[in-house]
Amino acid sequence: QVQLVESGGGLVQPGGSLRLSCAASGSIFFRLANMGWYRQAPGKGRELVATILNTANTNYADSVKGRFTISRDNAKNMVYLQMNSLKPEDTAVYYCNAEGRTYSSINRQNYWGQGTQVTVSS
């Protein structure tokens, strides 16, 4: 199966920075997978933060454009989210997402990590 493990969350002050990491393991064809970061704040639904496709094309939510940067290292099966100029509104559980195929599957599926808490507060 596929495992996604997020790390790097924590408590930061407004204006601070944080770098989230997502380590993918298992049978996924990582280089062909589309990767993304999503977040969910208390009482709200899950929302897209940023995606990076297997083509390396990136997409960002309007609320984080210019502040967040998503990147990937295919050699390490890693995805990163560099978050700068953090705001209290960024407080949420951040989830790593992979959309792709495994060694044993034909259809593409979505996989999720367990999430990492990001809290932006004074």
Protein backbone atom coordinates (compact mmCIF):
# COMPACT_ATOMS: atom_id res chain seq x y z
CA GLN A 1 0.00 0.00 0.00
CA VAL A 2 0.95 3.67 0.16
CA GLN A 3 2.09 5.58 3.20
CA LEU A 4 2.32 9.34 3.48
CA VAL A 5 3.88 10.81 6.59
CA GLU A 6 3.83 14.54 7.24
CA SER A 7 6.20 16.34 9.54
CA GLY A 8 7.32 19.84 10.35
CA GLY A 9 4.20 21.26 11.90
CA GLY A 10 4.24 23.27 15.06
CA LEU A 11 3.51 26.56 16.74
CA VAL A 12 4.79 29.73 15.11
CA GLN A 13 4.13 33.42 15.52
CA PRO A 14 2.44 35.48 12.83
CA GLY A 15 4.95 36.40 10.18
CA GLY A 16 7.02 33.34 10.88
CA SER A 17 7.96 30.47 8.63
CA LEU A 18 7.54 26.75 8.68
CA ARG A 19 8.52 23.97 6.32
CA LEU A 20 6.34 20.91 6.05
CA SER A 21 7.61 17.63 4.67
CA CYS A 22 5.76 14.65 3.30
CA ALA A 23 7.52 11.34 2.90
CA ALA A 24 5.91 8.88 0.54
CA SER A 25 6.63 5.19 0.74
CA GLY A 26 5.17 1.93 -0.38
CA SER A 27 4.19 0.90 -3.85
CA ILE A 28 3.24 4.23 -5.36
CA PHE A 29 4.82 5.38 -8.58
CA PHE A 30 5.91 8.62 -6.99
CA ARG A 31 7.38 10.27 -10.08
CA LEU A 32 4.04 9.83 -11.83
CA ALA A 33 1.92 10.91 -8.91
CA ASN A 34 0.31 14.27 -8.51
CA MET A 35 1.01 15.61 -5.05
CA GLY A 36 -0.65 18.22 -2.95
CA TRP A 37 -1.12 19.83 0.39
CA TYR A 38 -4.55 20.37 1.86
CA ARG A 39 -5.61 21.81 5.15
CA GLN A 40 -8.59 21.70 7.45
CA ALA A 41 -9.32 24.24 10.14
CA PRO A 42 -11.74 23.59 13.00
CA GLY A 43 -15.30 23.77 11.78
CA LYS A 44 -14.28 24.03 8.16
CA GLY A 45 -13.95 21.65 5.28
CA ARG A 46 -10.77 20.47 3.72
CA GLU A 47 -9.34 22.97 1.29
CA LEU A 48 -6.61 22.82 -1.27
CA VAL A 49 -3.44 24.68 -0.39
CA ALA A 50 -1.09 23.76 -3.19
CA THR A 51 -0.51 21.06 -5.75
CA ILE A 52 2.48 19.96 -7.73
CA LEU A 53 1.80 17.67 -10.62
CA ASN A 54 3.98 14.97 -12.09
CA THR A 55 4.87 17.53 -14.73
CA ALA A 56 6.17 19.80 -11.95
CA ASN A 57 3.44 22.33 -12.66
CA THR A 58 2.23 24.01 -9.49
CA ASN A 59 -1.03 25.52 -8.37
CA TYR A 60 -1.84 27.51 -5.25
CA ALA A 61 -4.90 28.66 -3.44
CA ASP A 62 -5.34 32.40 -3.74
CA SER A 63 -4.98 32.77 0.01
CA VAL A 64 -1.41 31.45 0.00
CA LYS A 65 -0.06 32.71 -3.31
CA GLY A 66 3.20 34.52 -2.85
CA ARG A 67 3.68 33.09 0.63
CA PHE A 68 3.80 29.32 0.19
CA THR A 69 5.94 27.24 -2.13
CA ILE A 70 5.37 23.59 -2.92
CA SER A 71 8.21 21.47 -4.23
CA ARG A 72 9.10 17.84 -4.72
CA ASP A 73 12.19 15.69 -4.78
CA ASN A 74 11.40 12.63 -6.83
CA ALA A 75 14.69 10.95 -5.96
CA LYS A 76 13.68 11.01 -2.29
CA ASN A 77 9.92 10.55 -2.68
CA MET A 78 9.45 13.79 -0.79
CA VAL A 79 7.11 16.75 -1.08
CA TYR A 80 7.64 19.99 0.76
CA LEU A 81 5.61 23.04 1.61
CA GLN A 82 7.58 26.11 2.52
CA MET A 83 5.30 28.50 4.37
CA ASN A 84 6.37 32.08 4.88
CA SER A 85 4.64 35.13 6.28
CA LEU A 86 2.29 32.91 8.20
CA LYS A 87 -1.02 34.28 9.36
CA PRO A 88 -3.39 33.11 12.08
CA GLU A 89 -5.78 32.14 9.30
CA ASP A 90 -3.26 29.51 8.23
CA THR A 91 -3.89 27.56 11.43
CA ALA A 92 -5.09 24.11 10.46
CA VAL A 93 -4.18 20.49 10.18
CA TYR A 94 -2.19 20.09 6.99
CA TYR A 95 -2.53 16.90 5.01
CA CYS A 96 -0.33 15.48 2.32
CA ASN A 97 -2.14 14.02 -0.66
CA ALA A 98 -0.99 11.74 -3.42
CA GLU A 99 -3.02 10.95 -6.50
CA GLY A 100 -1.59 8.17 -8.57
CA ARG A 101 -1.08 4.52 -9.25
CA THR A 102 0.70 1.73 -7.42
CA TYR A 103 2.64 -1.25 -8.67
CA SER A 104 -0.46 -3.42 -8.51
CA SER A 105 -3.19 -1.01 -9.60
CA ILE A 106 -4.45 0.26 -12.91
CA ASN A 107 -6.77 2.99 -11.68
CA ARG A 108 -5.44 6.08 -10.01
CA GLN A 109 -6.41 6.67 -6.40
CA ASN A 110 -6.06 9.30 -3.72
CA TYR A 111 -3.95 8.69 -0.64
CA TRP A 112 -3.73 10.80 2.48
CA GLY A 113 -1.31 11.28 5.31
CA GLN A 114 -2.27 11.55 8.95
CA GLY A 115 -1.85 15.29 9.05
CA THR A 116 0.37 17.67 10.94
CA GLN A 117 -0.86 20.55 13.06
CA VAL A 118 0.16 24.09 12.18
CA THR A 119 -0.76 26.77 14.67
CA VAL A 120 -0.04 30.42 14.00
CA SER A 121 -0.55 32.46 17.13
CA SER A 122 1.07 35.05 19.33
